[in-house]
């Protein structure tokens, strides 16, 4: 998750740029929620996905808006950005997560 809070990642994200007028709390949840939704879809956890839809609708505000953006954009671009950033910025230790494993829905 370090890349999500890495200023270099934030400055290179096309989707964060597209939604830059959104509240900070929306922006910091977009990639996390894309991972969440992508994982649920990959694992065919449809009930969990439905419960999450309901949870974020209930919580409202920035969580609801971030989840709406994931619904609009899909997960692919968010996950691709994370994978690309990880590939370019791998440390000597291989700590990156293979997002391509969940990005193909």
PDB file of N, CA and C in Angstrom:
ATOM      1  N   UNK A   1       0.806  -1.188   0.000  1.00  0.00           N
ATOM      2  CA  UNK A   1       0.000   0.000   0.000  1.00  0.00           C
ATOM      3  C   UNK A   1       0.856   1.262   0.000  1.00  0.00           C
ATOM      4  N   UNK A   2       2.156   1.105   0.155  1.00  0.00           N
ATOM      5  CA  UNK A   2       3.014   2.282   0.195  1.00  0.00           C
ATOM      6  C   UNK A   2       2.852   3.154  -1.037  1.00  0.00           C
ATOM      7  N   UNK A   3       2.616   2.530  -2.197  1.00  0.00           N
ATOM      8  CA  UNK A   3       2.516   3.331  -3.410  1.00  0.00           C
ATOM      9  C   UNK A   3       1.307   4.252  -3.393  1.00  0.00           C
ATOM     10  N   UNK A   4       0.252   3.886  -2.692  1.00  0.00           N
ATOM     11  CA  UNK A   4      -0.942   4.722  -2.662  1.00  0.00           C
ATOM     12  C   UNK A   4      -0.680   6.024  -1.915  1.00  0.00           C
ATOM     13  N   UNK A   5       0.188   5.987  -0.912  1.00  0.00           N
ATOM     14  CA  UNK A   5       0.509   7.211  -0.189  1.00  0.00           C
ATOM     15  C   UNK A   5       1.799   7.852  -0.686  1.00  0.00           C
ATOM     16  N   UNK A   6       2.431   7.248  -1.663  1.00  0.00           N
ATOM     17  CA  UNK A   6       3.647   7.793  -2.253  1.00  0.00           C
ATOM     18  C   UNK A   6       3.287   8.994  -3.125  1.00  0.00           C
ATOM     19  N   UNK A   7       3.848  10.163  -2.841  1.00  0.00           N
ATOM     20  CA  UNK A   7       3.512  11.349  -3.640  1.00  0.00           C
ATOM     21  C   UNK A   7       3.803  11.162  -5.133  1.00  0.00           C
ATOM     22  N   UNK A   8       4.825  10.382  -5.447  1.00  0.00           N
ATOM     23  CA  UNK A   8       5.148  10.138  -6.851  1.00  0.00           C
ATOM     24  C   UNK A   8       4.014   9.362  -7.534  1.00  0.00           C
ATOM     25  N   UNK A   9       3.439   8.405  -6.828  1.00  0.00           N
ATOM     26  CA  UNK A   9       2.305   7.671  -7.397  1.00  0.00           C
ATOM     27  C   UNK A   9       1.129   8.609  -7.629  1.00  0.00           C
ATOM     28  N   UNK A  10       0.801   9.379  -6.612  1.00  0.00           N
ATOM     29  CA  UNK A  10      -0.334  10.290  -6.723  1.00  0.00           C
ATOM     30  C   UNK A  10      -0.178  11.265  -7.879  1.00  0.00           C
ATOM     31  N   UNK A  11       1.040  11.709  -8.126  1.00  0.00           N
ATOM     32  CA  UNK A  11       1.264  12.687  -9.194  1.00  0.00           C
ATOM     33  C   UNK A  11       1.276  12.058 -10.587  1.00  0.00           C
ATOM     34  N   UNK A  12       1.308  10.725 -10.673  1.00  0.00           N
ATOM     35  CA  UNK A  12       1.329  10.074 -11.981  1.00  0.00           C
ATOM     36  C   UNK A  12       0.029   9.342 -12.306  1.00  0.00           C
ATOM     37  N   UNK A  13      -0.937   9.384 -11.417  1.00  0.00           N
ATOM     38  CA  UNK A  13      -2.186   8.665 -11.602  1.00  0.00           C
ATOM     39  C   UNK A  13      -3.154   9.457 -12.477  1.00  0.00           C
ATOM     40  N   UNK A  14      -3.500   8.892 -13.614  1.00  0.00           N
ATOM     41  CA  UNK A  14      -4.452   9.547 -14.518  1.00  0.00           C
ATOM     42  C   UNK A  14      -5.840   9.636 -13.899  1.00  0.00           C
ATOM     43  N   UNK A  15      -6.252   8.606 -13.172  1.00  0.00           N
ATOM     44  CA  UNK A  15      -7.590   8.655 -12.575  1.00  0.00           C
ATOM     45  C   UNK A  15      -7.652   9.642 -11.416  1.00  0.00           C
ATOM     46  N   UNK A  16      -6.586   9.764 -10.650  1.00  0.00           N
ATOM     47  CA  UNK A  16      -6.573  10.774  -9.603  1.00  0.00           C
ATOM     48  C   UNK A  16      -6.590  12.176 -10.206  1.00  0.00           C
ATOM     49  N   UNK A  17      -5.911  12.340 -11.313  1.00  0.00           N
ATOM     50  CA  UNK A  17      -5.935  13.624 -12.014  1.00  0.00           C
ATOM     51  C   UNK A  17      -7.347  13.928 -12.530  1.00  0.00           C
ATOM     52  N   UNK A  18      -7.992  12.929 -13.092  1.00  0.00           N
ATOM     53  CA  UNK A  18      -9.349  13.102 -13.622  1.00  0.00           C
ATOM     54  C   UNK A  18     -10.320  13.551 -12.529  1.00  0.00           C
ATOM     55  N   UNK A  19     -10.145  13.020 -11.333  1.00  0.00           N
ATOM     56  CA  UNK A  19     -11.060  13.306 -10.231  1.00  0.00           C
ATOM     57  C   UNK A  19     -10.456  14.239  -9.182  1.00  0.00           C
ATOM     58  N   UNK A  20      -9.485  15.050  -9.575  1.00  0.00           N
ATOM     59  CA  UNK A  20      -8.760  15.885  -8.612  1.00  0.00           C
ATOM     60  C   UNK A  20      -9.644  16.876  -7.856  1.00  0.00           C
ATOM     61  N   UNK A  21     -10.819  17.170  -8.377  1.00  0.00           N
ATOM     62  CA  UNK A  21     -11.704  18.103  -7.671  1.00  0.00           C
ATOM     63  C   UNK A  21     -12.501  17.421  -6.554  1.00  0.00           C
ATOM     64  N   UNK A  22     -12.396  16.113  -6.463  1.00  0.00           N
ATOM     65  CA  UNK A  22     -13.095  15.369  -5.402  1.00  0.00           C
ATOM     66  C   UNK A  22     -12.391  15.589  -4.061  1.00  0.00           C
ATOM     67  N   UNK A  23     -13.118  15.315  -2.995  1.00  0.00           N
ATOM     68  CA  UNK A  23     -12.560  15.431  -1.644  1.00  0.00           C
ATOM     69  C   UNK A  23     -11.371  14.486  -1.471  1.00  0.00           C
ATOM     70  N   UNK A  24     -10.442  14.882  -0.619  1.00  0.00           N
ATOM     71  CA  UNK A  24      -9.248  14.080  -0.358  1.00  0.00           C
ATOM     72  C   UNK A  24      -9.615  12.657   0.039  1.00  0.00           C
ATOM     73  N   UNK A  25     -10.613  12.512   0.922  1.00  0.00           N
ATOM     74  CA  UNK A  25     -10.997  11.191   1.401  1.00  0.00           C
ATOM     75  C   UNK A  25     -11.535  10.307   0.273  1.00  0.00           C
ATOM     76  N   UNK A  26     -12.119  10.902  -0.742  1.00  0.00           N
ATOM     77  CA  UNK A  26     -12.554  10.141  -1.927  1.00  0.00           C
ATOM     78  C   UNK A  26     -11.317   9.630  -2.652  1.00  0.00           C
ATOM     79  N   UNK A  27     -10.394  10.526  -2.909  1.00  0.00           N
ATOM     80  CA  UNK A  27      -9.203  10.172  -3.696  1.00  0.00           C
ATOM     81  C   UNK A  27      -8.368   9.077  -3.045  1.00  0.00           C
ATOM     82  N   UNK A  28      -8.189   9.139  -1.731  1.00  0.00           N
ATOM     83  CA  UNK A  28      -7.332   8.150  -1.074  1.00  0.00           C
ATOM     84  C   UNK A  28      -7.986   6.777  -0.999  1.00  0.00           C
ATOM     85  N   UNK A  29      -9.269   6.698  -1.253  1.00  0.00           N
ATOM     86  CA  UNK A  29      -9.950   5.401  -1.209  1.00  0.00           C
ATOM     87  C   UNK A  29     -10.150   4.762  -2.579  1.00  0.00           C
ATOM     88  N   UNK A  30      -9.922   5.481  -3.646  1.00  0.00           N
ATOM     89  CA  UNK A  30     -10.233   4.943  -4.972  1.00  0.00           C
ATOM     90  C   UNK A  30      -9.477   3.659  -5.300  1.00  0.00           C
ATOM     91  N   UNK A  31      -8.164   3.679  -5.198  1.00  0.00           N
ATOM     92  CA  UNK A  31      -7.383   2.494  -5.548  1.00  0.00           C
ATOM     93  C   UNK A  31      -7.626   1.355  -4.555  1.00  0.00           C
ATOM     94  N   UNK A  32      -7.802   1.702  -3.294  1.00  0.00           N
ATOM     95  CA  UNK A  32      -8.106   0.660  -2.295  1.00  0.00           C
ATOM     96  C   UNK A  32      -9.432  -0.021  -2.610  1.00  0.00           C
ATOM     97  N   UNK A  33     -10.424   0.772  -2.958  1.00  0.00           N
ATOM     98  CA  UNK A  33     -11.734   0.202  -3.279  1.00  0.00           C
ATOM     99  C   UNK A  33     -11.704  -0.593  -4.580  1.00  0.00           C
ATOM    100  N   UNK A  34     -10.855  -0.181  -5.515  1.00  0.00           N
ATOM    101  CA  UNK A  34     -10.703  -0.961  -6.749  1.00  0.00           C
ATOM    102  C   UNK A  34     -10.113  -2.334  -6.444  1.00  0.00           C
ATOM    103  N   UNK A  35      -9.148  -2.380  -5.537  1.00  0.00           N
ATOM    104  CA  UNK A  35      -8.594  -3.667  -5.108  1.00  0.00           C
ATOM    105  C   UNK A  35      -9.695  -4.503  -4.450  1.00  0.00           C
ATOM    106  N   UNK A  36     -10.438  -3.874  -3.572  1.00  0.00           N
ATOM    107  CA  UNK A  36     -11.518  -4.559  -2.862  1.00  0.00           C
ATOM    108  C   UNK A  36     -12.537  -5.137  -3.844  1.00  0.00           C
ATOM    109  N   UNK A  37     -13.034  -4.295  -4.742  1.00  0.00           N
ATOM    110  CA  UNK A  37     -14.051  -4.755  -5.683  1.00  0.00           C
ATOM    111  C   UNK A  37     -13.486  -5.786  -6.655  1.00  0.00           C
ATOM    112  N   UNK A  38     -12.286  -5.549  -7.150  1.00  0.00           N
ATOM    113  CA  UNK A  38     -11.657  -6.504  -8.058  1.00  0.00           C
ATOM    114  C   UNK A  38     -11.481  -7.872  -7.427  1.00  0.00           C
ATOM    115  N   UNK A  39     -11.127  -7.877  -6.169  1.00  0.00           N
ATOM    116  CA  UNK A  39     -10.964  -9.139  -5.441  1.00  0.00           C
ATOM    117  C   UNK A  39     -12.300  -9.853  -5.292  1.00  0.00           C
ATOM    118  N   UNK A  40     -13.323  -9.128  -4.895  1.00  0.00           N
ATOM    119  CA  UNK A  40     -14.650  -9.733  -4.751  1.00  0.00           C
ATOM    120  C   UNK A  40     -15.139 -10.321  -6.070  1.00  0.00           C
ATOM    121  N   UNK A  41     -14.923  -9.585  -7.152  1.00  0.00           N
ATOM    122  CA  UNK A  41     -15.368 -10.075  -8.464  1.00  0.00           C
ATOM    123  C   UNK A  41     -14.588 -11.318  -8.881  1.00  0.00           C
ATOM    124  N   UNK A  42     -13.290 -11.283  -8.690  1.00  0.00           N
ATOM    125  CA  UNK A  42     -12.446 -12.417  -9.059  1.00  0.00           C
ATOM    126  C   UNK A  42     -12.833 -13.673  -8.282  1.00  0.00           C
ATOM    127  N   UNK A  43     -13.148 -13.488  -7.011  1.00  0.00           N
ATOM    128  CA  UNK A  43     -13.509 -14.623  -6.157  1.00  0.00           C
ATOM    129  C   UNK A  43     -14.996 -14.971  -6.237  1.00  0.00           C
ATOM    130  N   UNK A  44     -15.703 -14.240  -7.085  1.00  0.00           N
ATOM    131  CA  UNK A  44     -17.156 -14.445  -7.255  1.00  0.00           C
ATOM    132  C   UNK A  44     -17.906 -14.306  -5.926  1.00  0.00           C
ATOM    133  N   UNK A  45     -17.491 -13.339  -5.144  1.00  0.00           N
ATOM    134  CA  UNK A  45     -18.114 -13.043  -3.847  1.00  0.00           C
ATOM    135  C   UNK A  45     -19.227 -12.020  -4.048  1.00  0.00           C
ATOM    136  N   UNK A  46     -20.277 -12.428  -4.751  1.00  0.00           N
ATOM    137  CA  UNK A  46     -21.349 -11.510  -5.128  1.00  0.00           C
ATOM    138  C   UNK A  46     -22.141 -11.019  -3.915  1.00  0.00           C
ATOM    139  N   UNK A  47     -22.343 -11.861  -2.936  1.00  0.00           N
ATOM    140  CA  UNK A  47     -23.055 -11.433  -1.731  1.00  0.00           C
ATOM    141  C   UNK A  47     -22.239 -10.408  -0.951  1.00  0.00           C
ATOM    142  N   UNK A  48     -20.937 -10.635  -0.871  1.00  0.00           N
ATOM    143  CA  UNK A  48     -20.061  -9.690  -0.186  1.00  0.00           C
ATOM    144  C   UNK A  48     -20.022  -8.362  -0.940  1.00  0.00           C
ATOM    145  N   UNK A  49     -20.009  -8.433  -2.250  1.00  0.00           N
ATOM    146  CA  UNK A  49     -20.024  -7.218  -3.064  1.00  0.00           C
ATOM    147  C   UNK A  49     -21.323  -6.442  -2.838  1.00  0.00           C
ATOM    148  N   UNK A  50     -22.436  -7.145  -2.809  1.00  0.00           N
ATOM    149  CA  UNK A  50     -23.730  -6.504  -2.558  1.00  0.00           C
ATOM    150  C   UNK A  50     -23.752  -5.864  -1.169  1.00  0.00           C
ATOM    151  N   UNK A  51     -23.237  -6.571  -0.171  1.00  0.00           N
ATOM    152  CA  UNK A  51     -23.182  -6.033   1.191  1.00  0.00           C
ATOM    153  C   UNK A  51     -22.297  -4.787   1.246  1.00  0.00           C
ATOM    154  N   UNK A  52     -21.211  -4.795   0.486  1.00  0.00           N
ATOM    155  CA  UNK A  52     -20.317  -3.643   0.442  1.00  0.00           C
ATOM    156  C   UNK A  52     -20.996  -2.468  -0.235  1.00  0.00           C
ATOM    157  N   UNK A  53     -21.726  -2.725  -1.309  1.00  0.00           N
ATOM    158  CA  UNK A  53     -22.517  -1.671  -1.960  1.00  0.00           C
ATOM    159  C   UNK A  53     -23.435  -1.010  -0.934  1.00  0.00           C
ATOM    160  N   UNK A  54     -24.131  -1.837  -0.181  1.00  0.00           N
ATOM    161  CA  UNK A  54     -25.079  -1.337   0.822  1.00  0.00           C
ATOM    162  C   UNK A  54     -24.356  -0.596   1.946  1.00  0.00           C
ATOM    163  N   UNK A  55     -23.209  -1.117   2.369  1.00  0.00           N
ATOM    164  CA  UNK A  55     -22.446  -0.475   3.440  1.00  0.00           C
ATOM    165  C   UNK A  55     -22.018   0.931   3.042  1.00  0.00           C
ATOM    166  N   UNK A  56     -21.417   1.065   1.853  1.00  0.00           N
ATOM    167  CA  UNK A  56     -20.941   2.379   1.438  1.00  0.00           C
ATOM    168  C   UNK A  56     -22.095   3.337   1.163  1.00  0.00           C
ATOM    169  N   UNK A  57     -23.227   2.824   0.702  1.00  0.00           N
ATOM    170  CA  UNK A  57     -24.411   3.672   0.540  1.00  0.00           C
ATOM    171  C   UNK A  57     -24.893   4.163   1.911  1.00  0.00           C
ATOM    172  N   UNK A  58     -24.839   3.288   2.910  1.00  0.00           N
ATOM    173  CA  UNK A  58     -25.260   3.641   4.261  1.00  0.00           C
ATOM    174  C   UNK A  58     -24.303   4.648   4.893  1.00  0.00           C
ATOM    175  N   UNK A  59     -22.996   4.391   4.768  1.00  0.00           N
ATOM    176  CA  UNK A  59     -22.001   5.311   5.337  1.00  0.00           C
ATOM    177  C   UNK A  59     -22.126   6.675   4.673  1.00  0.00           C
ATOM    178  N   UNK A  60     -22.306   6.643   3.354  1.00  0.00           N
ATOM    179  CA  UNK A  60     -22.513   7.873   2.608  1.00  0.00           C
ATOM    180  C   UNK A  60     -21.256   8.692   2.409  1.00  0.00           C
ATOM    181  N   UNK A  61     -21.477   9.950   2.130  1.00  0.00           N
ATOM    182  CA  UNK A  61     -20.432  10.953   1.930  1.00  0.00           C
ATOM    183  C   UNK A  61     -19.315  10.461   1.002  1.00  0.00           C
ATOM    184  N   UNK A  62     -18.070  10.614   1.437  1.00  0.00           N
ATOM    185  CA  UNK A  62     -16.930  10.310   0.578  1.00  0.00           C
ATOM    186  C   UNK A  62     -16.813   8.830   0.231  1.00  0.00           C
ATOM    187  N   UNK A  63     -17.201   7.958   1.134  1.00  0.00           N
ATOM    188  CA  UNK A  63     -17.132   6.521   0.845  1.00  0.00           C
ATOM    189  C   UNK A  63     -18.107   6.157  -0.274  1.00  0.00           C
ATOM    190  N   UNK A  64     -19.301   6.682  -0.179  1.00  0.00           N
ATOM    191  CA  UNK A  64     -20.298   6.441  -1.218  1.00  0.00           C
ATOM    192  C   UNK A  64     -19.817   6.983  -2.560  1.00  0.00           C
ATOM    193  N   UNK A  65     -19.255   8.187  -2.551  1.00  0.00           N
ATOM    194  CA  UNK A  65     -18.776   8.803  -3.795  1.00  0.00           C
ATOM    195  C   UNK A  65     -17.607   8.010  -4.380  1.00  0.00           C
ATOM    196  N   UNK A  66     -16.674   7.599  -3.569  1.00  0.00           N
ATOM    197  CA  UNK A  66     -15.539   6.815  -4.078  1.00  0.00           C
ATOM    198  C   UNK A  66     -16.027   5.508  -4.695  1.00  0.00           C
ATOM    199  N   UNK A  67     -16.961   4.843  -4.040  1.00  0.00           N
ATOM    200  CA  UNK A  67     -17.501   3.584  -4.556  1.00  0.00           C
ATOM    201  C   UNK A  67     -18.249   3.829  -5.870  1.00  0.00           C
ATOM    202  N   UNK A  68     -18.939   4.965  -5.986  1.00  0.00           N
ATOM    203  CA  UNK A  68     -19.620   5.326  -7.227  1.00  0.00           C
ATOM    204  C   UNK A  68     -18.615   5.497  -8.364  1.00  0.00           C
ATOM    205  N   UNK A  69     -17.491   6.110  -8.064  1.00  0.00           N
ATOM    206  CA  UNK A  69     -16.462   6.310  -9.091  1.00  0.00           C
ATOM    207  C   UNK A  69     -15.915   4.964  -9.558  1.00  0.00           C
ATOM    208  N   UNK A  70     -15.706   4.042  -8.641  1.00  0.00           N
ATOM    209  CA  UNK A  70     -15.249   2.704  -9.019  1.00  0.00           C
ATOM    210  C   UNK A  70     -16.304   2.048  -9.908  1.00  0.00           C
ATOM    211  N   UNK A  71     -17.557   2.247  -9.586  1.00  0.00           N
ATOM    212  CA  UNK A  71     -18.649   1.702 -10.400  1.00  0.00           C
ATOM    213  C   UNK A  71     -18.627   2.314 -11.811  1.00  0.00           C
ATOM    214  N   UNK A  72     -18.389   3.612 -11.902  1.00  0.00           N
ATOM    215  CA  UNK A  72     -18.348   4.317 -13.184  1.00  0.00           C
ATOM    216  C   UNK A  72     -17.144   3.883 -14.010  1.00  0.00           C
ATOM    217  N   UNK A  73     -15.972   3.894 -13.399  1.00  0.00           N
ATOM    218  CA  UNK A  73     -14.713   3.649 -14.112  1.00  0.00           C
ATOM    219  C   UNK A  73     -14.369   2.168 -14.253  1.00  0.00           C
ATOM    220  N   UNK A  74     -14.891   1.332 -13.368  1.00  0.00           N
ATOM    221  CA  UNK A  74     -14.450  -0.058 -13.319  1.00  0.00           C
ATOM    222  C   UNK A  74     -13.142  -0.151 -12.552  1.00  0.00           C
ATOM    223  N   UNK A  75     -12.659  -1.341 -12.372  1.00  0.00           N
ATOM    224  CA  UNK A  75     -11.441  -1.532 -11.571  1.00  0.00           C
ATOM    225  C   UNK A  75     -10.161  -1.551 -12.400  1.00  0.00           C
ATOM    226  N   UNK A  76     -10.286  -1.849 -13.674  1.00  0.00           N
ATOM    227  CA  UNK A  76      -9.111  -2.089 -14.515  1.00  0.00           C
ATOM    228  C   UNK A  76      -8.055  -0.987 -14.479  1.00  0.00           C
ATOM    229  N   UNK A  77      -8.466   0.250 -14.708  1.00  0.00           N
ATOM    230  CA  UNK A  77      -7.484   1.333 -14.790  1.00  0.00           C
ATOM    231  C   UNK A  77      -6.784   1.556 -13.455  1.00  0.00           C
ATOM    232  N   UNK A  78      -7.527   1.469 -12.375  1.00  0.00           N
ATOM    233  CA  UNK A  78      -6.934   1.647 -11.050  1.00  0.00           C
ATOM    234  C   UNK A  78      -5.890   0.563 -10.781  1.00  0.00           C
ATOM    235  N   UNK A  79      -6.261  -0.671 -11.055  1.00  0.00           N
ATOM    236  CA  UNK A  79      -5.347  -1.788 -10.813  1.00  0.00           C
ATOM    237  C   UNK A  79      -4.143  -1.735 -11.746  1.00  0.00           C
ATOM    238  N   UNK A  80      -4.366  -1.328 -12.985  1.00  0.00           N
ATOM    239  CA  UNK A  80      -3.257  -1.201 -13.938  1.00  0.00           C
ATOM    240  C   UNK A  80      -2.267  -0.129 -13.483  1.00  0.00           C
ATOM    241  N   UNK A  81      -2.769   0.964 -12.949  1.00  0.00           N
ATOM    242  CA  UNK A  81      -1.871   2.010 -12.443  1.00  0.00           C
ATOM    243  C   UNK A  81      -1.021   1.498 -11.287  1.00  0.00           C
ATOM    244  N   UNK A  82      -1.634   0.775 -10.387  1.00  0.00           N
ATOM    245  CA  UNK A  82      -0.882   0.215  -9.261  1.00  0.00           C
ATOM    246  C   UNK A  82       0.183  -0.760  -9.736  1.00  0.00           C
ATOM    247  N   UNK A  83      -0.193  -1.637 -10.659  1.00  0.00           N
ATOM    248  CA  UNK A  83       0.756  -2.625 -11.174  1.00  0.00           C
ATOM    249  C   UNK A  83       1.915  -1.946 -11.891  1.00  0.00           C
ATOM    250  N   UNK A  84       1.594  -0.956 -12.705  1.00  0.00           N
ATOM    251  CA  UNK A  84       2.635  -0.235 -13.439  1.00  0.00           C
ATOM    252  C   UNK A  84       3.594   0.469 -12.485  1.00  0.00           C
ATOM    253  N   UNK A  85       3.051   1.142 -11.502  1.00  0.00           N
ATOM    254  CA  UNK A  85       3.894   1.837 -10.541  1.00  0.00           C
ATOM    255  C   UNK A  85       4.777   0.855  -9.776  1.00  0.00           C
ATOM    256  N   UNK A  86       4.183  -0.240  -9.344  1.00  0.00           N
ATOM    257  CA  UNK A  86       4.959  -1.253  -8.621  1.00  0.00           C
ATOM    258  C   UNK A  86       6.074  -1.811  -9.483  1.00  0.00           C
ATOM    259  N   UNK A  87       5.783  -2.071 -10.741  1.00  0.00           N
ATOM    260  CA  UNK A  87       6.797  -2.626 -11.649  1.00  0.00           C
ATOM    261  C   UNK A  87       7.964  -1.672 -11.834  1.00  0.00           C
ATOM    262  N   UNK A  88       7.675  -0.401 -11.909  1.00  0.00           N
ATOM    263  CA  UNK A  88       8.719   0.607 -12.126  1.00  0.00           C
ATOM    264  C   UNK A  88       9.506   0.926 -10.864  1.00  0.00           C
ATOM    265  N   UNK A  89       8.916   0.667  -9.699  1.00  0.00           N
ATOM    266  CA  UNK A  89       9.527   1.111  -8.452  1.00  0.00           C
ATOM    267  C   UNK A  89       9.784  -0.028  -7.472  1.00  0.00           C
ATOM    268  N   UNK A  90      10.011  -1.211  -8.006  1.00  0.00           N
ATOM    269  CA  UNK A  90      10.314  -2.336  -7.122  1.00  0.00           C
ATOM    270  C   UNK A  90      11.642  -2.102  -6.436  1.00  0.00           C
ATOM    271  N   UNK A  91      11.660  -2.393  -5.152  1.00  0.00           N
ATOM    272  CA  UNK A  91      12.902  -2.307  -4.407  1.00  0.00           C
ATOM    273  C   UNK A  91      13.682  -3.604  -4.621  1.00  0.00           C
ATOM    274  N   UNK A  92      14.798  -3.717  -3.982  1.00  0.00           N
ATOM    275  CA  UNK A  92      15.585  -4.943  -4.105  1.00  0.00           C
ATOM    276  C   UNK A  92      14.806  -6.139  -3.564  1.00  0.00           C
ATOM    277  N   UNK A  93      13.911  -5.889  -2.619  1.00  0.00           N
ATOM    278  CA  UNK A  93      13.016  -6.939  -2.144  1.00  0.00           C
ATOM    279  C   UNK A  93      11.784  -6.907  -3.029  1.00  0.00           C
ATOM    280  N   UNK A  94      11.319  -8.047  -3.415  1.00  0.00           N
ATOM    281  CA  UNK A  94      10.108  -8.097  -4.224  1.00  0.00           C
ATOM    282  C   UNK A  94       8.895  -8.069  -3.308  1.00  0.00           C
ATOM    283  N   UNK A  95       8.392  -6.857  -3.064  1.00  0.00           N
ATOM    284  CA  UNK A  95       7.250  -6.701  -2.164  1.00  0.00           C
ATOM    285  C   UNK A  95       5.983  -6.301  -2.903  1.00  0.00           C
ATOM    286  N   UNK A  96       6.030  -6.236  -4.220  1.00  0.00           N
ATOM    287  CA  UNK A  96       4.835  -5.807  -4.941  1.00  0.00           C
ATOM    288  C   UNK A  96       3.797  -6.921  -4.995  1.00  0.00           C
ATOM    289  N   UNK A  97       2.575  -6.505  -5.092  1.00  0.00           N
ATOM    290  CA  UNK A  97       1.450  -7.442  -5.160  1.00  0.00           C
ATOM    291  C   UNK A  97       1.109  -7.669  -6.626  1.00  0.00           C
ATOM    292  N   UNK A  98       0.931  -8.904  -7.051  1.00  0.00           N
ATOM    293  CA  UNK A  98       0.602  -9.161  -8.460  1.00  0.00           C
ATOM    294  C   UNK A  98      -0.857  -8.815  -8.758  1.00  0.00           C
ATOM    295  N   UNK A  99      -1.133  -7.529  -8.968  1.00  0.00           N
ATOM    296  CA  UNK A  99      -2.493  -7.083  -9.195  1.00  0.00           C
ATOM    297  C   UNK A  99      -3.089  -7.660 -10.466  1.00  0.00           C
ATOM    298  N   UNK A 100      -2.248  -8.076 -11.391  1.00  0.00           N
ATOM    299  CA  UNK A 100      -2.786  -8.667 -12.606  1.00  0.00           C
ATOM    300  C   UNK A 100      -3.575  -9.947 -12.285  1.00  0.00           C
ATOM    301  N   UNK A 101      -3.320 -10.508 -11.134  1.00  0.00           N
ATOM    302  CA  UNK A 101      -4.049 -11.719 -10.735  1.00  0.00           C
ATOM    303  C   UNK A 101      -5.520 -11.408 -10.444  1.00  0.00           C
ATOM    304  N   UNK A 102      -5.814 -10.159 -10.071  1.00  0.00           N
ATOM    305  CA  UNK A 102      -7.199  -9.808  -9.794  1.00  0.00           C
ATOM    306  C   UNK A 102      -7.778  -8.833 -10.803  1.00  0.00           C
ATOM    307  N   UNK A 103      -6.950  -8.284 -11.687  1.00  0.00           N
ATOM    308  CA  UNK A 103      -7.448  -7.251 -12.583  1.00  0.00           C
ATOM    309  C   UNK A 103      -8.250  -7.800 -13.753  1.00  0.00           C
ATOM    310  N   UNK A 104      -8.105  -9.058 -14.068  1.00  0.00           N
ATOM    311  CA  UNK A 104      -8.888  -9.659 -15.149  1.00  0.00           C
ATOM    312  C   UNK A 104     -10.177 -10.193 -14.578  1.00  0.00           C
ATOM    313  N   UNK A 105     -11.244  -9.472 -14.797  1.00  0.00           N
ATOM    314  CA  UNK A 105     -12.533  -9.829 -14.198  1.00  0.00           C
ATOM    315  C   UNK A 105     -13.276 -10.813 -15.054  1.00  0.00           C
TER     316      UNK A 105
END
